[in-house]
């Protein structure tokens, strides 16, 4: 899949560079220090496993709001599914937070977000150009489970 983040080297939990290949791409904005993120994480892991059980239909890219690189790595490796992440020091993390106006309240000023559309956790479904398909995918994952995927294909 050609995608709008092709200039960024996305990594898997082992640290290897990997490209998204699924037709549907989700950006997952979260941090381990956030209680709501910790509550949502198992639901997202379950959703990802189920929708990709037979055919790889969904890629998730983690956009971290963790405070340090070590925090991000621990959160990504220990608690998340087998998906991708933007490296901690890559400027794309903050660029995506500004583009979609999604970030933790405490990082709004440093990131440059003045009017948040969403806090964390937020799952944004985007097309290969980076245009929003669904900015409120997390609530649909919680309410509809795997049936939510049909609207994003």
N, C-alpha and C. Protein backbone atom coordinates (compact mmCIF):
# COMPACT_ATOMS: atom_id res chain seq x y z
N UNK A 1 0.84 -1.18 0.00
CA UNK A 1 0.00 0.00 0.00
C UNK A 1 0.89 1.24 0.00
N UNK A 2 0.67 2.13 -0.92
CA UNK A 2 1.34 3.42 -0.90
C UNK A 2 0.61 4.26 0.13
N UNK A 3 1.35 4.94 0.96
CA UNK A 3 0.69 5.71 2.00
C UNK A 3 1.39 7.05 2.19
N UNK A 4 0.69 7.96 2.83
CA UNK A 4 1.18 9.32 3.01
C UNK A 4 2.36 9.42 3.96
N UNK A 5 2.68 8.37 4.70
CA UNK A 5 3.80 8.39 5.64
C UNK A 5 5.03 7.71 5.07
N UNK A 6 5.11 7.56 3.77
CA UNK A 6 6.19 6.77 3.18
C UNK A 6 7.58 7.34 3.43
N UNK A 7 7.69 8.62 3.80
CA UNK A 7 9.00 9.20 4.10
C UNK A 7 9.48 8.84 5.50
N UNK A 8 8.58 8.29 6.32
CA UNK A 8 8.92 7.91 7.69
C UNK A 8 9.19 6.42 7.77
N UNK A 9 10.18 6.06 8.53
CA UNK A 9 10.49 4.65 8.74
C UNK A 9 9.70 4.15 9.93
N UNK A 10 8.55 3.54 9.66
CA UNK A 10 7.74 2.95 10.71
C UNK A 10 8.42 1.69 11.20
N UNK A 11 8.25 1.39 12.49
CA UNK A 11 8.90 0.21 13.06
C UNK A 11 7.88 -0.70 13.71
N UNK A 12 8.24 -1.99 13.76
CA UNK A 12 7.43 -2.95 14.52
C UNK A 12 8.00 -3.04 15.93
N UNK A 13 7.40 -3.89 16.75
CA UNK A 13 7.82 -3.98 18.16
C UNK A 13 9.26 -4.45 18.33
N UNK A 14 9.80 -5.15 17.33
CA UNK A 14 11.19 -5.60 17.39
C UNK A 14 12.16 -4.50 16.94
N UNK A 15 11.62 -3.38 16.46
CA UNK A 15 12.45 -2.28 16.01
C UNK A 15 12.80 -2.33 14.54
N UNK A 16 12.29 -3.34 13.82
CA UNK A 16 12.57 -3.47 12.39
C UNK A 16 11.66 -2.53 11.59
N UNK A 17 12.21 -1.95 10.55
CA UNK A 17 11.43 -1.07 9.68
C UNK A 17 10.43 -1.92 8.91
N UNK A 18 9.20 -1.44 8.85
CA UNK A 18 8.14 -2.19 8.19
C UNK A 18 7.14 -1.21 7.58
N UNK A 19 6.61 -1.55 6.44
CA UNK A 19 5.62 -0.73 5.75
C UNK A 19 4.21 -1.26 6.01
N UNK A 20 3.22 -0.38 6.10
CA UNK A 20 1.84 -0.86 6.16
C UNK A 20 1.47 -1.52 4.83
N UNK A 21 0.70 -2.58 4.89
CA UNK A 21 0.31 -3.29 3.67
C UNK A 21 -1.20 -3.43 3.53
N UNK A 22 -1.94 -3.26 4.60
CA UNK A 22 -3.39 -3.45 4.56
C UNK A 22 -4.06 -2.28 3.86
N UNK A 23 -5.27 -2.53 3.38
CA UNK A 23 -6.04 -1.50 2.70
C UNK A 23 -6.50 -0.41 3.67
N UNK A 24 -6.75 -0.78 4.91
CA UNK A 24 -7.25 0.16 5.90
C UNK A 24 -6.14 0.50 6.89
N UNK A 25 -5.99 1.80 7.16
CA UNK A 25 -4.93 2.28 8.05
C UNK A 25 -5.55 3.06 9.21
N UNK A 26 -5.18 2.68 10.42
CA UNK A 26 -5.65 3.36 11.63
C UNK A 26 -4.47 4.00 12.33
N UNK A 27 -4.64 5.23 12.76
CA UNK A 27 -3.66 5.92 13.59
C UNK A 27 -4.16 5.85 15.02
N UNK A 28 -3.34 5.31 15.90
CA UNK A 28 -3.73 5.11 17.30
C UNK A 28 -2.95 6.08 18.17
N UNK A 29 -3.63 7.11 18.67
CA UNK A 29 -3.04 8.12 19.53
C UNK A 29 -3.27 7.70 20.98
N UNK A 30 -2.18 7.48 21.73
CA UNK A 30 -2.32 6.97 23.09
C UNK A 30 -1.03 7.16 23.87
N UNK A 31 -1.13 6.90 25.19
CA UNK A 31 0.03 6.91 26.08
C UNK A 31 -0.25 5.95 27.23
N UNK A 32 0.79 5.34 27.74
CA UNK A 32 0.61 4.37 28.82
C UNK A 32 0.22 5.03 30.14
N UNK A 33 0.59 6.28 30.35
CA UNK A 33 0.25 6.96 31.60
C UNK A 33 -1.24 7.31 31.67
N UNK A 34 -1.95 7.21 30.56
CA UNK A 34 -3.36 7.59 30.45
C UNK A 34 -4.27 6.43 30.86
N UNK A 35 -5.05 6.56 31.94
CA UNK A 35 -5.93 5.47 32.37
C UNK A 35 -6.94 5.03 31.31
N UNK A 36 -7.50 5.98 30.56
CA UNK A 36 -8.46 5.62 29.51
C UNK A 36 -7.78 4.80 28.41
N UNK A 37 -6.53 5.12 28.11
CA UNK A 37 -5.77 4.36 27.11
C UNK A 37 -5.53 2.94 27.59
N UNK A 38 -5.18 2.80 28.86
CA UNK A 38 -4.95 1.46 29.42
C UNK A 38 -6.24 0.64 29.40
N UNK A 39 -7.39 1.27 29.61
CA UNK A 39 -8.68 0.57 29.55
C UNK A 39 -9.03 0.16 28.12
N UNK A 40 -8.72 1.03 27.16
CA UNK A 40 -9.07 0.77 25.76
C UNK A 40 -8.13 -0.23 25.09
N UNK A 41 -6.88 -0.28 25.52
CA UNK A 41 -5.86 -1.09 24.85
C UNK A 41 -6.26 -2.55 24.62
N UNK A 42 -6.77 -3.28 25.61
CA UNK A 42 -7.15 -4.68 25.36
C UNK A 42 -8.26 -4.81 24.31
N UNK A 43 -9.15 -3.84 24.24
CA UNK A 43 -10.23 -3.86 23.24
C UNK A 43 -9.65 -3.70 21.84
N UNK A 44 -8.68 -2.79 21.71
CA UNK A 44 -8.05 -2.58 20.41
C UNK A 44 -7.23 -3.81 20.01
N UNK A 45 -6.51 -4.39 20.95
CA UNK A 45 -5.75 -5.61 20.66
C UNK A 45 -6.67 -6.72 20.16
N UNK A 46 -7.80 -6.91 20.83
CA UNK A 46 -8.77 -7.93 20.45
C UNK A 46 -9.35 -7.64 19.07
N UNK A 47 -9.72 -6.39 18.82
CA UNK A 47 -10.27 -5.98 17.53
C UNK A 47 -9.27 -6.28 16.41
N UNK A 48 -8.02 -5.88 16.61
CA UNK A 48 -6.98 -6.09 15.60
C UNK A 48 -6.81 -7.58 15.30
N UNK A 49 -6.77 -8.39 16.33
CA UNK A 49 -6.60 -9.84 16.14
C UNK A 49 -7.76 -10.44 15.36
N UNK A 50 -8.96 -10.02 15.69
CA UNK A 50 -10.14 -10.59 15.02
C UNK A 50 -10.26 -10.14 13.56
N UNK A 51 -10.04 -8.86 13.28
CA UNK A 51 -10.21 -8.41 11.89
C UNK A 51 -9.10 -8.92 10.98
N UNK A 52 -7.96 -9.29 11.56
CA UNK A 52 -6.85 -9.79 10.75
C UNK A 52 -6.67 -11.31 10.87
N UNK A 53 -7.63 -11.99 11.46
CA UNK A 53 -7.50 -13.43 11.72
C UNK A 53 -7.31 -14.24 10.44
N UNK A 54 -8.06 -13.94 9.40
CA UNK A 54 -7.95 -14.72 8.16
C UNK A 54 -7.20 -13.98 7.07
N UNK A 55 -7.42 -12.68 6.97
CA UNK A 55 -6.78 -11.85 5.95
C UNK A 55 -6.33 -10.55 6.62
N UNK A 56 -5.13 -10.10 6.28
CA UNK A 56 -4.63 -8.85 6.86
C UNK A 56 -5.38 -7.68 6.23
N UNK A 57 -6.34 -7.11 6.99
CA UNK A 57 -7.20 -6.05 6.47
C UNK A 57 -6.92 -4.68 7.07
N UNK A 58 -6.23 -4.66 8.21
CA UNK A 58 -6.05 -3.41 8.96
C UNK A 58 -4.63 -3.30 9.48
N UNK A 59 -4.01 -2.15 9.23
CA UNK A 59 -2.74 -1.81 9.87
C UNK A 59 -3.01 -0.70 10.86
N UNK A 60 -2.34 -0.77 12.00
CA UNK A 60 -2.42 0.28 13.01
C UNK A 60 -1.04 0.89 13.16
N UNK A 61 -1.00 2.21 13.23
CA UNK A 61 0.25 2.94 13.49
C UNK A 61 0.07 3.69 14.80
N UNK A 62 0.94 3.37 15.75
CA UNK A 62 0.91 3.99 17.08
C UNK A 62 1.56 5.36 17.04
N UNK A 63 0.80 6.38 17.47
CA UNK A 63 1.29 7.75 17.58
C UNK A 63 1.33 8.06 19.07
N UNK A 64 2.49 7.98 19.65
CA UNK A 64 2.65 8.02 21.10
C UNK A 64 2.59 9.43 21.70
N UNK A 65 1.98 9.48 22.88
CA UNK A 65 2.05 10.67 23.73
C UNK A 65 2.78 10.33 25.02
N UNK A 66 3.52 9.24 25.01
CA UNK A 66 4.32 8.87 26.18
C UNK A 66 5.41 9.92 26.39
N UNK A 67 5.86 10.07 27.63
CA UNK A 67 6.78 11.15 28.00
C UNK A 67 8.21 10.94 27.51
N UNK A 68 8.64 9.68 27.41
CA UNK A 68 10.03 9.41 27.02
C UNK A 68 10.06 8.29 25.98
N UNK A 69 11.20 8.17 25.33
CA UNK A 69 11.38 7.09 24.37
C UNK A 69 11.27 5.73 25.06
N UNK A 70 11.86 5.60 26.24
CA UNK A 70 11.77 4.34 26.99
C UNK A 70 10.33 4.00 27.33
N UNK A 71 9.56 5.01 27.75
CA UNK A 71 8.14 4.79 28.05
C UNK A 71 7.39 4.32 26.80
N UNK A 72 7.66 4.98 25.66
CA UNK A 72 6.99 4.59 24.43
C UNK A 72 7.34 3.16 24.05
N UNK A 73 8.62 2.82 24.11
CA UNK A 73 9.05 1.47 23.73
C UNK A 73 8.42 0.41 24.63
N UNK A 74 8.39 0.66 25.93
CA UNK A 74 7.79 -0.30 26.85
C UNK A 74 6.30 -0.44 26.58
N UNK A 75 5.63 0.67 26.37
CA UNK A 75 4.19 0.65 26.08
C UNK A 75 3.92 -0.13 24.79
N UNK A 76 4.70 0.16 23.77
CA UNK A 76 4.50 -0.46 22.47
C UNK A 76 4.82 -1.96 22.50
N UNK A 77 5.94 -2.32 23.06
CA UNK A 77 6.37 -3.73 23.06
C UNK A 77 5.56 -4.60 24.01
N UNK A 78 5.21 -4.07 25.17
CA UNK A 78 4.61 -4.89 26.21
C UNK A 78 3.09 -4.94 26.18
N UNK A 79 2.44 -3.94 25.63
CA UNK A 79 0.99 -3.86 25.78
C UNK A 79 0.21 -3.81 24.48
N UNK A 80 0.88 -3.54 23.37
CA UNK A 80 0.14 -3.37 22.13
C UNK A 80 0.27 -4.59 21.24
N UNK A 81 -0.57 -4.60 20.21
CA UNK A 81 -0.58 -5.69 19.25
C UNK A 81 0.60 -5.63 18.30
N UNK A 82 0.65 -6.55 17.35
CA UNK A 82 1.78 -6.63 16.40
C UNK A 82 1.64 -5.63 15.25
N UNK A 83 1.59 -4.37 15.59
CA UNK A 83 1.45 -3.36 14.55
C UNK A 83 2.65 -2.45 14.51
N UNK A 84 2.51 -1.24 14.00
CA UNK A 84 3.63 -0.36 13.72
C UNK A 84 3.61 0.87 14.63
N UNK A 85 4.74 1.55 14.70
CA UNK A 85 4.83 2.78 15.48
C UNK A 85 5.71 3.79 14.77
N UNK A 86 5.45 5.04 15.05
CA UNK A 86 6.33 6.11 14.60
C UNK A 86 7.41 6.25 15.67
N UNK A 87 8.68 6.20 15.29
CA UNK A 87 9.75 6.33 16.28
C UNK A 87 9.58 7.61 17.11
N UNK A 88 9.99 7.55 18.36
CA UNK A 88 9.77 8.63 19.33
C UNK A 88 10.30 9.97 18.84
N UNK A 89 11.47 9.99 18.26
CA UNK A 89 12.09 11.26 17.88
C UNK A 89 11.73 11.72 16.47
N UNK A 90 10.87 10.99 15.79
CA UNK A 90 10.45 11.38 14.44
C UNK A 90 9.46 12.55 14.54
N UNK A 91 9.69 13.58 13.77
CA UNK A 91 8.82 14.76 13.81
C UNK A 91 7.40 14.47 13.35
N UNK A 92 7.20 13.36 12.65
CA UNK A 92 5.86 13.01 12.18
C UNK A 92 4.87 12.82 13.33
N UNK A 93 5.35 12.39 14.49
CA UNK A 93 4.44 12.23 15.64
C UNK A 93 3.68 13.53 15.91
N UNK A 94 4.42 14.62 16.07
CA UNK A 94 3.77 15.90 16.34
C UNK A 94 3.04 16.44 15.12
N UNK A 95 3.56 16.18 13.93
CA UNK A 95 2.88 16.63 12.71
C UNK A 95 1.48 16.01 12.62
N UNK A 96 1.37 14.72 12.93
CA UNK A 96 0.06 14.06 12.87
C UNK A 96 -0.86 14.58 13.97
N UNK A 97 -0.32 14.86 15.13
CA UNK A 97 -1.14 15.42 16.21
C UNK A 97 -1.71 16.77 15.79
N UNK A 98 -0.90 17.59 15.12
CA UNK A 98 -1.39 18.89 14.63
C UNK A 98 -2.38 18.70 13.49
N UNK A 99 -2.05 17.83 12.56
CA UNK A 99 -2.91 17.64 11.38
C UNK A 99 -4.32 17.19 11.78
N UNK A 100 -4.40 16.22 12.68
CA UNK A 100 -5.70 15.67 13.07
C UNK A 100 -6.25 16.31 14.35
N UNK A 101 -5.47 17.22 14.96
CA UNK A 101 -5.85 17.92 16.19
C UNK A 101 -6.21 16.94 17.30
N UNK A 102 -5.35 15.94 17.45
CA UNK A 102 -5.54 14.90 18.46
C UNK A 102 -4.26 14.79 19.28
N UNK A 103 -4.38 14.98 20.59
CA UNK A 103 -3.24 14.82 21.48
C UNK A 103 -3.73 14.84 22.92
N UNK A 104 -2.84 14.54 23.83
CA UNK A 104 -3.15 14.66 25.25
C UNK A 104 -3.26 16.15 25.58
N UNK A 105 -4.15 16.47 26.49
CA UNK A 105 -4.35 17.87 26.86
C UNK A 105 -3.05 18.51 27.34
N UNK A 106 -2.26 17.75 28.11
CA UNK A 106 -1.04 18.33 28.68
C UNK A 106 0.05 18.61 27.65
N UNK A 107 -0.09 18.09 26.43
CA UNK A 107 0.93 18.36 25.41
C UNK A 107 0.46 19.33 24.33
N UNK A 108 -0.73 19.88 24.48
CA UNK A 108 -1.27 20.77 23.45
C UNK A 108 -0.32 21.92 23.11
N UNK A 109 0.18 22.59 24.11
CA UNK A 109 1.03 23.76 23.87
C UNK A 109 2.34 23.37 23.20
N UNK A 110 3.00 22.33 23.70
CA UNK A 110 4.29 21.95 23.13
C UNK A 110 4.16 21.38 21.72
N UNK A 111 3.04 20.73 21.44
CA UNK A 111 2.81 20.16 20.11
C UNK A 111 2.33 21.23 19.13
N UNK A 112 1.61 22.22 19.66
CA UNK A 112 1.07 23.27 18.79
C UNK A 112 -0.36 23.02 18.37
N UNK A 113 -1.11 22.31 19.19
CA UNK A 113 -2.53 22.08 18.93
C UNK A 113 -3.31 23.07 19.77
N UNK A 114 -4.11 23.92 19.12
CA UNK A 114 -4.86 24.93 19.85
C UNK A 114 -6.32 24.54 20.06
N UNK A 115 -6.85 23.73 19.19
CA UNK A 115 -8.26 23.34 19.28
C UNK A 115 -8.37 21.84 19.03
N UNK A 116 -8.36 21.07 20.12
CA UNK A 116 -8.36 19.61 19.97
C UNK A 116 -9.69 19.09 19.45
N UNK A 117 -9.61 18.16 18.50
CA UNK A 117 -10.77 17.40 18.05
C UNK A 117 -10.93 16.20 18.97
N UNK A 118 -9.81 15.67 19.44
CA UNK A 118 -9.85 14.51 20.32
C UNK A 118 -8.65 14.46 21.24
N UNK A 119 -8.86 13.83 22.38
CA UNK A 119 -7.77 13.57 23.31
C UNK A 119 -7.24 12.17 23.06
N UNK A 120 -6.75 11.54 24.12
CA UNK A 120 -6.28 10.16 23.98
C UNK A 120 -7.07 9.28 24.93
N UNK A 121 -7.37 8.06 24.53
CA UNK A 121 -7.04 7.42 23.26
C UNK A 121 -7.97 7.88 22.15
N UNK A 122 -7.43 7.97 20.96
CA UNK A 122 -8.21 8.23 19.75
C UNK A 122 -7.67 7.33 18.65
N UNK A 123 -8.59 6.77 17.88
CA UNK A 123 -8.23 5.99 16.70
C UNK A 123 -8.82 6.72 15.50
N UNK A 124 -7.95 7.11 14.56
CA UNK A 124 -8.38 7.81 13.35
C UNK A 124 -8.12 6.89 12.16
N UNK A 125 -9.16 6.59 11.41
CA UNK A 125 -9.01 5.82 10.18
C UNK A 125 -8.74 6.82 9.06
N UNK A 126 -7.67 6.56 8.29
CA UNK A 126 -7.30 7.45 7.19
C UNK A 126 -7.13 6.65 5.91
N UNK A 127 -7.26 7.35 4.78
CA UNK A 127 -6.99 6.70 3.50
C UNK A 127 -5.50 6.83 3.17
N UNK A 128 -5.09 6.34 2.03
CA UNK A 128 -3.67 6.32 1.69
C UNK A 128 -3.08 7.72 1.50
N UNK A 129 -3.94 8.72 1.32
CA UNK A 129 -3.49 10.10 1.21
C UNK A 129 -3.44 10.81 2.55
N UNK A 130 -3.95 10.14 3.58
CA UNK A 130 -3.97 10.75 4.91
C UNK A 130 -5.26 11.49 5.22
N UNK A 131 -6.23 11.43 4.31
CA UNK A 131 -7.51 12.07 4.56
C UNK A 131 -8.32 11.24 5.55
N UNK A 132 -9.05 11.92 6.42
CA UNK A 132 -9.83 11.24 7.45
C UNK A 132 -11.01 10.50 6.85
N UNK A 133 -11.11 9.23 7.22
CA UNK A 133 -12.27 8.41 6.89
C UNK A 133 -13.20 8.38 8.11
N UNK A 134 -12.61 8.27 9.30
CA UNK A 134 -13.38 8.24 10.55
C UNK A 134 -12.49 8.73 11.68
N UNK A 135 -12.86 9.83 12.31
CA UNK A 135 -12.07 10.39 13.41
C UNK A 135 -12.48 9.78 14.75
N UNK A 136 -13.60 9.07 14.78
CA UNK A 136 -14.13 8.51 16.03
C UNK A 136 -14.18 6.99 15.98
N UNK A 137 -13.14 6.39 15.43
CA UNK A 137 -13.13 4.94 15.26
C UNK A 137 -13.09 4.18 16.58
N UNK A 138 -12.50 4.76 17.61
CA UNK A 138 -12.40 4.05 18.89
C UNK A 138 -13.78 3.71 19.45
N UNK A 139 -14.71 4.66 19.38
CA UNK A 139 -16.05 4.38 19.91
C UNK A 139 -16.76 3.32 19.08
N UNK A 140 -16.50 3.29 17.78
CA UNK A 140 -17.11 2.27 16.92
C UNK A 140 -16.50 0.89 17.17
N UNK A 141 -15.22 0.86 17.47
CA UNK A 141 -14.57 -0.41 17.83
C UNK A 141 -15.20 -0.95 19.11
N UNK A 142 -15.43 -0.06 20.07
CA UNK A 142 -16.04 -0.49 21.34
C UNK A 142 -17.49 -0.91 21.16
N UNK A 143 -18.25 -0.19 20.34
CA UNK A 143 -19.68 -0.48 20.23
C UNK A 143 -20.01 -1.57 19.21
N UNK A 144 -19.26 -1.63 18.12
CA UNK A 144 -19.60 -2.56 17.03
C UNK A 144 -18.62 -3.70 16.84
N UNK A 145 -17.46 -3.64 17.47
CA UNK A 145 -16.48 -4.70 17.29
C UNK A 145 -16.05 -4.82 15.84
N UNK A 146 -15.87 -6.05 15.36
CA UNK A 146 -15.37 -6.28 14.01
C UNK A 146 -16.30 -5.73 12.93
N UNK A 147 -17.57 -5.56 13.24
CA UNK A 147 -18.50 -5.01 12.26
C UNK A 147 -18.14 -3.58 11.87
N UNK A 148 -17.41 -2.88 12.71
CA UNK A 148 -17.00 -1.50 12.41
C UNK A 148 -16.11 -1.45 11.17
N UNK A 149 -15.35 -2.48 10.92
CA UNK A 149 -14.39 -2.49 9.81
C UNK A 149 -15.07 -2.29 8.46
N UNK A 150 -16.26 -2.81 8.27
CA UNK A 150 -16.95 -2.75 6.98
C UNK A 150 -17.10 -1.31 6.48
N UNK A 151 -17.33 -0.38 7.38
CA UNK A 151 -17.50 1.02 6.98
C UNK A 151 -16.20 1.67 6.52
N UNK A 152 -15.08 1.07 6.85
CA UNK A 152 -13.78 1.67 6.54
C UNK A 152 -13.08 1.03 5.34
N UNK A 153 -13.63 -0.04 4.81
CA UNK A 153 -12.98 -0.73 3.69
C UNK A 153 -13.20 0.01 2.39
